[in-house]
Amino acid sequence: MQNSYDNVPATCAGFWVRAAAYAIDSVIVFFGLLIVRLIMSGVMSMTEGTAFSGGILFQYTLKDIALYLVQVLYFILCTYFTGTTLGKRAMNLRVVSEEGKKLTLLNVVYRETVGRFLSGIILYIGYIIAGIDPQKRALHDILCDTRVIYARKVKVYPVYQRPMPPVPEKEAPQKTGYHMARPERESPAVHEDDRQ
């Protein structure tokens, strides 16, 4: 699989970095749903005693449906328009199709609803598959022919220290115990004193 923007083979993101991105997204969605819950509590108080106060779809109320739609719309809209969510962006990740083409809306909706539901249905085994698969795909990636890759390669420039100029041998410091001392020229008078 190739990145379309730099023609360098893309690096697929592993299980742990994807889990970290999902944790960030979960925190963002949690605070978003907190606001929706406050709004929906006011709406539900106005619809009390009407057909909307009970279960609309099986046992799910209007509030449950609204909370699910807000959560899934976050993932669908972010992934479709930008190819990433805020959590994935923080971890430098991007969702791409297997061929490297732009994701279609139908593909994204299927991936973020049915695909994620199937990935989490039995002990989240569909997510754990990303740690085993050679291309690091979760079940929803396999179903929708998508990959989660690193968005861009970060160039690392090594920092080199400037080499020190060589010290001439005459001026090279000598080690004498715990401090450095420069060699001193001995005067001929000192040698005469030593002889006596």
C-alpha atoms as a PDB file:
ATOM      1  CA  MET A   1       0.000   0.000   0.000  1.00  0.00           C
ATOM      2  CA  GLN A   2       1.324   3.439  -0.925  1.00  0.00           C
ATOM      3  CA  ASN A   3       0.705   6.869   0.524  1.00  0.00           C
ATOM      4  CA  SER A   4      -0.645   9.028  -2.259  1.00  0.00           C
ATOM      5  CA  TYR A   5       1.157  12.172  -1.156  1.00  0.00           C
ATOM      6  CA  ASP A   6       4.743  11.041  -0.937  1.00  0.00           C
ATOM      7  CA  ASN A   7       4.907   7.652  -2.717  1.00  0.00           C
ATOM      8  CA  VAL A   8       6.675   6.075   0.245  1.00  0.00           C
ATOM      9  CA  PRO A   9       5.310   2.788   1.610  1.00  0.00           C
ATOM     10  CA  ALA A  10       2.979   3.609   4.493  1.00  0.00           C
ATOM     11  CA  THR A  11       3.563   2.246   7.978  1.00  0.00           C
ATOM     12  CA  CYS A  12       0.470   0.667   9.514  1.00  0.00           C
ATOM     13  CA  ALA A  13      -0.330   1.703  13.068  1.00  0.00           C
ATOM     14  CA  GLY A  14      -0.194  -1.007  15.715  1.00  0.00           C
ATOM     15  CA  PHE A  15      -2.648  -2.027  18.393  1.00  0.00           C
ATOM     16  CA  TRP A  16      -1.367   0.137  21.262  1.00  0.00           C
ATOM     17  CA  VAL A  17      -1.128   3.412  19.375  1.00  0.00           C
ATOM     18  CA  ARG A  18      -4.635   2.845  18.008  1.00  0.00           C
ATOM     19  CA  ALA A  19      -5.884   2.065  21.527  1.00  0.00           C
ATOM     20  CA  ALA A  20      -4.367   5.330  22.772  1.00  0.00           C
ATOM     21  CA  ALA A  21      -6.064   7.262  19.948  1.00  0.00           C
ATOM     22  CA  TYR A  22      -9.389   5.611  20.763  1.00  0.00           C
ATOM     23  CA  ALA A  23      -8.976   6.492  24.455  1.00  0.00           C
ATOM     24  CA  ILE A  24      -8.491  10.165  23.517  1.00  0.00           C
ATOM     25  CA  ASP A  25     -11.546  10.018  21.251  1.00  0.00           C
ATOM     26  CA  SER A  26     -13.579   8.393  24.031  1.00  0.00           C
ATOM     27  CA  VAL A  27     -12.783  11.263  26.397  1.00  0.00           C
ATOM     28  CA  ILE A  28     -13.805  13.816  23.745  1.00  0.00           C
ATOM     29  CA  VAL A  29     -17.041  11.927  23.011  1.00  0.00           C
ATOM     30  CA  PHE A  30     -17.765  11.615  26.748  1.00  0.00           C
ATOM     31  CA  PHE A  31     -17.730  15.396  27.212  1.00  0.00           C
ATOM     32  CA  GLY A  32     -19.757  15.876  24.034  1.00  0.00           C
ATOM     33  CA  LEU A  33     -22.367  13.409  25.270  1.00  0.00           C
ATOM     34  CA  LEU A  34     -22.473  15.187  28.617  1.00  0.00           C
ATOM     35  CA  ILE A  35     -23.722  18.315  26.855  1.00  0.00           C
ATOM     36  CA  VAL A  36     -26.236  16.293  24.814  1.00  0.00           C
ATOM     37  CA  ARG A  37     -27.510  14.610  28.004  1.00  0.00           C
ATOM     38  CA  LEU A  38     -28.212  18.015  29.551  1.00  0.00           C
ATOM     39  CA  ILE A  39     -30.108  19.125  26.447  1.00  0.00           C
ATOM     40  CA  MET A  40     -31.986  15.829  26.164  1.00  0.00           C
ATOM     41  CA  SER A  41     -33.057  15.907  29.819  1.00  0.00           C
ATOM     42  CA  GLY A  42     -34.920  19.147  29.047  1.00  0.00           C
ATOM     43  CA  VAL A  43     -36.427  17.683  25.868  1.00  0.00           C
ATOM     44  CA  MET A  44     -37.467  14.474  27.634  1.00  0.00           C
ATOM     45  CA  SER A  45     -39.214  16.443  30.373  1.00  0.00           C
ATOM     46  CA  MET A  46     -41.304  18.201  27.700  1.00  0.00           C
ATOM     47  CA  THR A  47     -42.221  14.927  25.960  1.00  0.00           C
ATOM     48  CA  GLU A  48     -43.250  13.161  29.155  1.00  0.00           C
ATOM     49  CA  GLY A  49     -46.589  11.422  28.732  1.00  0.00           C
ATOM     50  CA  THR A  50     -46.321  11.367  24.913  1.00  0.00           C
ATOM     51  CA  ALA A  51     -45.326   8.589  22.510  1.00  0.00           C
ATOM     52  CA  PHE A  52     -41.724   9.868  22.587  1.00  0.00           C
ATOM     53  CA  SER A  53     -41.308   9.317  26.334  1.00  0.00           C
ATOM     54  CA  GLY A  54     -41.211   5.521  26.129  1.00  0.00           C
ATOM     55  CA  GLY A  55     -39.340   3.077  23.949  1.00  0.00           C
ATOM     56  CA  ILE A  56     -39.293   4.248  20.337  1.00  0.00           C
ATOM     57  CA  LEU A  57     -37.087   1.562  18.817  1.00  0.00           C
ATOM     58  CA  PHE A  58     -37.487  -1.653  20.830  1.00  0.00           C
ATOM     59  CA  GLN A  59     -36.474  -0.624  24.381  1.00  0.00           C
ATOM     60  CA  TYR A  60     -34.434   2.422  23.276  1.00  0.00           C
ATOM     61  CA  THR A  61     -35.789   5.858  24.116  1.00  0.00           C
ATOM     62  CA  LEU A  62     -35.380   9.071  22.173  1.00  0.00           C
ATOM     63  CA  LYS A  63     -32.526  10.002  24.516  1.00  0.00           C
ATOM     64  CA  ASP A  64     -30.679   6.719  23.833  1.00  0.00           C
ATOM     65  CA  ILE A  65     -31.013   7.151  20.077  1.00  0.00           C
ATOM     66  CA  ALA A  66     -29.807  10.774  20.212  1.00  0.00           C
ATOM     67  CA  LEU A  67     -26.770   9.818  22.305  1.00  0.00           C
ATOM     68  CA  TYR A  68     -25.848   7.003  19.902  1.00  0.00           C
ATOM     69  CA  LEU A  69     -26.237   9.278  16.861  1.00  0.00           C
ATOM     70  CA  VAL A  70     -24.011  11.975  18.347  1.00  0.00           C
ATOM     71  CA  GLN A  71     -21.326   9.425  19.194  1.00  0.00           C
ATOM     72  CA  VAL A  72     -21.342   7.747  15.805  1.00  0.00           C
ATOM     73  CA  LEU A  73     -21.594  11.059  13.910  1.00  0.00           C
ATOM     74  CA  TYR A  74     -18.361  12.232  15.551  1.00  0.00           C
ATOM     75  CA  PHE A  75     -16.473   9.257  14.125  1.00  0.00           C
ATOM     76  CA  ILE A  76     -18.236   9.295  10.735  1.00  0.00           C
ATOM     77  CA  LEU A  77     -17.895  13.020  10.009  1.00  0.00           C
ATOM     78  CA  CYS A  78     -14.304  13.319  11.232  1.00  0.00           C
ATOM     79  CA  THR A  79     -13.162  10.226   9.339  1.00  0.00           C
ATOM     80  CA  TYR A  80     -14.996  11.105   6.116  1.00  0.00           C
ATOM     81  CA  PHE A  81     -13.979  14.773   5.888  1.00  0.00           C
ATOM     82  CA  THR A  82     -10.460  14.662   7.335  1.00  0.00           C
ATOM     83  CA  GLY A  83      -9.493  10.978   7.271  1.00  0.00           C
ATOM     84  CA  THR A  84      -8.808  11.111  11.002  1.00  0.00           C
ATOM     85  CA  THR A  85     -10.394  11.910  14.352  1.00  0.00           C
ATOM     86  CA  LEU A  86      -8.990  14.204  17.026  1.00  0.00           C
ATOM     87  CA  GLY A  87      -7.534  11.233  18.890  1.00  0.00           C
ATOM     88  CA  LYS A  88      -5.957   9.815  15.739  1.00  0.00           C
ATOM     89  CA  ARG A  89      -4.623  13.249  14.834  1.00  0.00           C
ATOM     90  CA  ALA A  90      -2.980  13.518  18.249  1.00  0.00           C
ATOM     91  CA  MET A  91      -1.273  10.168  17.612  1.00  0.00           C
ATOM     92  CA  ASN A  92      -0.372  11.070  13.976  1.00  0.00           C
ATOM     93  CA  LEU A  93      -2.735   8.444  12.493  1.00  0.00           C
ATOM     94  CA  ARG A  94      -4.935   8.433   9.406  1.00  0.00           C
ATOM     95  CA  VAL A  95      -7.588   6.093   7.968  1.00  0.00           C
ATOM     96  CA  VAL A  96      -7.088   5.261   4.280  1.00  0.00           C
ATOM     97  CA  SER A  97      -8.599   2.809   1.850  1.00  0.00           C
ATOM     98  CA  GLU A  98      -6.556  -0.182   0.767  1.00  0.00           C
ATOM     99  CA  GLU A  99      -6.035   1.302  -2.708  1.00  0.00           C
ATOM    100  CA  GLY A 100      -5.127   4.712  -1.318  1.00  0.00           C
ATOM    101  CA  LYS A 101      -8.262   6.381  -2.743  1.00  0.00           C
ATOM    102  CA  LYS A 102     -10.549   8.746  -0.819  1.00  0.00           C
ATOM    103  CA  LEU A 103     -12.931   6.963   1.515  1.00  0.00           C
ATOM    104  CA  THR A 104     -16.553   6.926   0.378  1.00  0.00           C
ATOM    105  CA  LEU A 105     -19.299   8.020   2.762  1.00  0.00           C
ATOM    106  CA  LEU A 106     -20.979   4.609   2.580  1.00  0.00           C
ATOM    107  CA  ASN A 107     -17.697   2.877   3.420  1.00  0.00           C
ATOM    108  CA  VAL A 108     -17.095   5.170   6.416  1.00  0.00           C
ATOM    109  CA  VAL A 109     -20.665   4.761   7.711  1.00  0.00           C
ATOM    110  CA  TYR A 110     -20.386   0.969   7.424  1.00  0.00           C
ATOM    111  CA  ARG A 111     -16.961   0.963   9.118  1.00  0.00           C
ATOM    112  CA  GLU A 112     -18.019   3.176  12.039  1.00  0.00           C
ATOM    113  CA  THR A 113     -21.411   1.522  12.711  1.00  0.00           C
ATOM    114  CA  VAL A 114     -21.682  -2.129  11.672  1.00  0.00           C
ATOM    115  CA  GLY A 115     -17.915  -2.702  11.599  1.00  0.00           C
ATOM    116  CA  ARG A 116     -17.295  -1.307  15.086  1.00  0.00           C
ATOM    117  CA  PHE A 117     -20.344  -3.136  16.443  1.00  0.00           C
ATOM    118  CA  LEU A 118     -19.002  -6.458  15.121  1.00  0.00           C
ATOM    119  CA  SER A 119     -15.492  -5.661  16.396  1.00  0.00           C
ATOM    120  CA  GLY A 120     -16.736  -5.191  19.942  1.00  0.00           C
ATOM    121  CA  ILE A 121     -19.482  -7.807  20.081  1.00  0.00           C
ATOM    122  CA  ILE A 122     -17.492 -10.683  21.631  1.00  0.00           C
ATOM    123  CA  LEU A 123     -14.988  -9.418  24.224  1.00  0.00           C
ATOM    124  CA  TYR A 124     -13.636  -6.832  21.768  1.00  0.00           C
ATOM    125  CA  ILE A 125     -11.899  -9.608  19.817  1.00  0.00           C
ATOM    126  CA  GLY A 126     -12.346  -7.616  16.589  1.00  0.00           C
ATOM    127  CA  TYR A 127     -10.087  -4.900  17.993  1.00  0.00           C
ATOM    128  CA  ILE A 128      -7.548  -7.374  19.376  1.00  0.00           C
ATOM    129  CA  ILE A 129      -7.116  -8.795  15.862  1.00  0.00           C
ATOM    130  CA  ALA A 130      -5.144  -5.609  15.052  1.00  0.00           C
ATOM    131  CA  GLY A 131      -2.374  -6.859  17.332  1.00  0.00           C
ATOM    132  CA  ILE A 132      -2.158 -10.200  15.489  1.00  0.00           C
ATOM    133  CA  ASP A 133      -2.799  -9.283  11.854  1.00  0.00           C
ATOM    134  CA  PRO A 134       0.370  -8.704   9.762  1.00  0.00           C
ATOM    135  CA  GLN A 135      -1.143  -5.507   8.304  1.00  0.00           C
ATOM    136  CA  LYS A 136      -2.426  -4.477  11.764  1.00  0.00           C
ATOM    137  CA  ARG A 137      -6.080  -4.419  10.659  1.00  0.00           C
ATOM    138  CA  ALA A 138      -8.965  -4.697  13.105  1.00  0.00           C
ATOM    139  CA  LEU A 139     -12.152  -6.515  12.071  1.00  0.00           C
ATOM    140  CA  HIS A 140     -13.838  -3.301  10.918  1.00  0.00           C
ATOM    141  CA  ASP A 141     -10.778  -2.537   8.765  1.00  0.00           C
ATOM    142  CA  ILE A 142     -10.919  -5.992   7.182  1.00  0.00           C
ATOM    143  CA  LEU A 143     -14.641  -5.633   6.438  1.00  0.00           C
ATOM    144  CA  CYS A 144     -14.241  -2.199   4.829  1.00  0.00           C
ATOM    145  CA  ASP A 145     -10.796  -2.595   3.175  1.00  0.00           C
ATOM    146  CA  THR A 146      -9.306   0.243   5.203  1.00  0.00           C
ATOM    147  CA  ARG A 147      -5.996   0.701   6.991  1.00  0.00           C
ATOM    148  CA  VAL A 148      -4.899   2.961   9.825  1.00  0.00           C
ATOM    149  CA  ILE A 149      -1.481   4.336   8.963  1.00  0.00           C
ATOM    150  CA  TYR A 150       0.883   6.948  10.300  1.00  0.00           C
ATOM    151  CA  ALA A 151      -0.126  10.216   8.656  1.00  0.00           C
ATOM    152  CA  ARG A 152       3.325  11.583   7.909  1.00  0.00           C
ATOM    153  CA  LYS A 153       6.839  10.561   8.607  1.00  0.00           C
ATOM    154  CA  VAL A 154       8.616  12.855  11.019  1.00  0.00           C
ATOM    155  CA  LYS A 155      12.133  13.695   9.941  1.00  0.00           C
ATOM    156  CA  VAL A 156      14.688  13.519  12.689  1.00  0.00           C
ATOM    157  CA  TYR A 157      17.778  15.599  12.194  1.00  0.00           C
ATOM    158  CA  PRO A 158      20.777  14.464  14.228  1.00  0.00           C
ATOM    159  CA  VAL A 159      22.595  17.101  16.208  1.00  0.00           C
ATOM    160  CA  TYR A 160      26.353  16.889  15.975  1.00  0.00           C
ATOM    161  CA  GLN A 161      28.753  18.682  18.267  1.00  0.00           C
ATOM    162  CA  ARG A 162      31.485  20.701  16.684  1.00  0.00           C
ATOM    163  CA  PRO A 163      34.796  18.859  17.100  1.00  0.00           C
ATOM    164  CA  MET A 164      37.308  20.480  19.393  1.00  0.00           C
ATOM    165  CA  PRO A 165      40.553  21.651  17.765  1.00  0.00           C
ATOM    166  CA  PRO A 166      43.487  19.370  18.543  1.00  0.00           C
ATOM    167  CA  VAL A 167      45.677  20.479  21.439  1.00  0.00           C
ATOM    168  CA  PRO A 168      49.389  20.654  20.636  1.00  0.00           C
ATOM    169  CA  GLU A 169      51.419  18.067  22.539  1.00  0.00           C
ATOM    170  CA  LYS A 170      53.544  20.643  24.412  1.00  0.00           C
ATOM    171  CA  GLU A 171      50.447  22.287  25.875  1.00  0.00           C
ATOM    172  CA  ALA A 172      48.597  19.078  26.644  1.00  0.00           C
ATOM    173  CA  PRO A 173      47.474  19.050  30.268  1.00  0.00           C
ATOM    174  CA  GLN A 174      48.919  16.425  32.585  1.00  0.00           C
ATOM    175  CA  LYS A 175      46.875  14.556  35.101  1.00  0.00           C
ATOM    176  CA  THR A 176      48.159  15.058  38.611  1.00  0.00           C
ATOM    177  CA  GLY A 177      45.771  13.665  41.141  1.00  0.00           C
ATOM    178  CA  TYR A 178      42.409  15.385  41.178  1.00  0.00           C
ATOM    179  CA  HIS A 179      43.176  18.416  39.064  1.00  0.00           C
ATOM    180  CA  MET A 180      44.755  19.190  35.736  1.00  0.00           C
ATOM    181  CA  ALA A 181      48.044  21.061  35.574  1.00  0.00           C
ATOM    182  CA  ARG A 182      50.022  22.303  32.637  1.00  0.00           C
ATOM    183  CA  PRO A 183      53.648  21.129  32.455  1.00  0.00           C
ATOM    184  CA  GLU A 184      56.071  23.840  33.420  1.00  0.00           C
ATOM    185  CA  ARG A 185      59.530  24.244  31.979  1.00  0.00           C
ATOM    186  CA  GLU A 186      62.126  23.422  34.494  1.00  0.00           C
ATOM    187  CA  SER A 187      64.933  25.902  34.940  1.00  0.00           C
ATOM    188  CA  PRO A 188      68.565  24.677  34.899  1.00  0.00           C
ATOM    189  CA  ALA A 189      68.955  26.078  38.430  1.00  0.00           C
ATOM    190  CA  VAL A 190      66.465  23.552  39.783  1.00  0.00           C
ATOM    191  CA  HIS A 191      68.481  20.708  38.350  1.00  0.00           C
ATOM    192  CA  GLU A 192      71.678  21.984  39.927  1.00  0.00           C
ATOM    193  CA  ASP A 193      69.970  22.120  43.334  1.00  0.00           C
ATOM    194  CA  ASP A 194      68.858  18.529  42.957  1.00  0.00           C
ATOM    195  CA  ARG A 195      72.422  17.426  42.238  1.00  0.00           C
ATOM    196  CA  GLN A 196      73.759  18.878  45.493  1.00  0.00           C
END
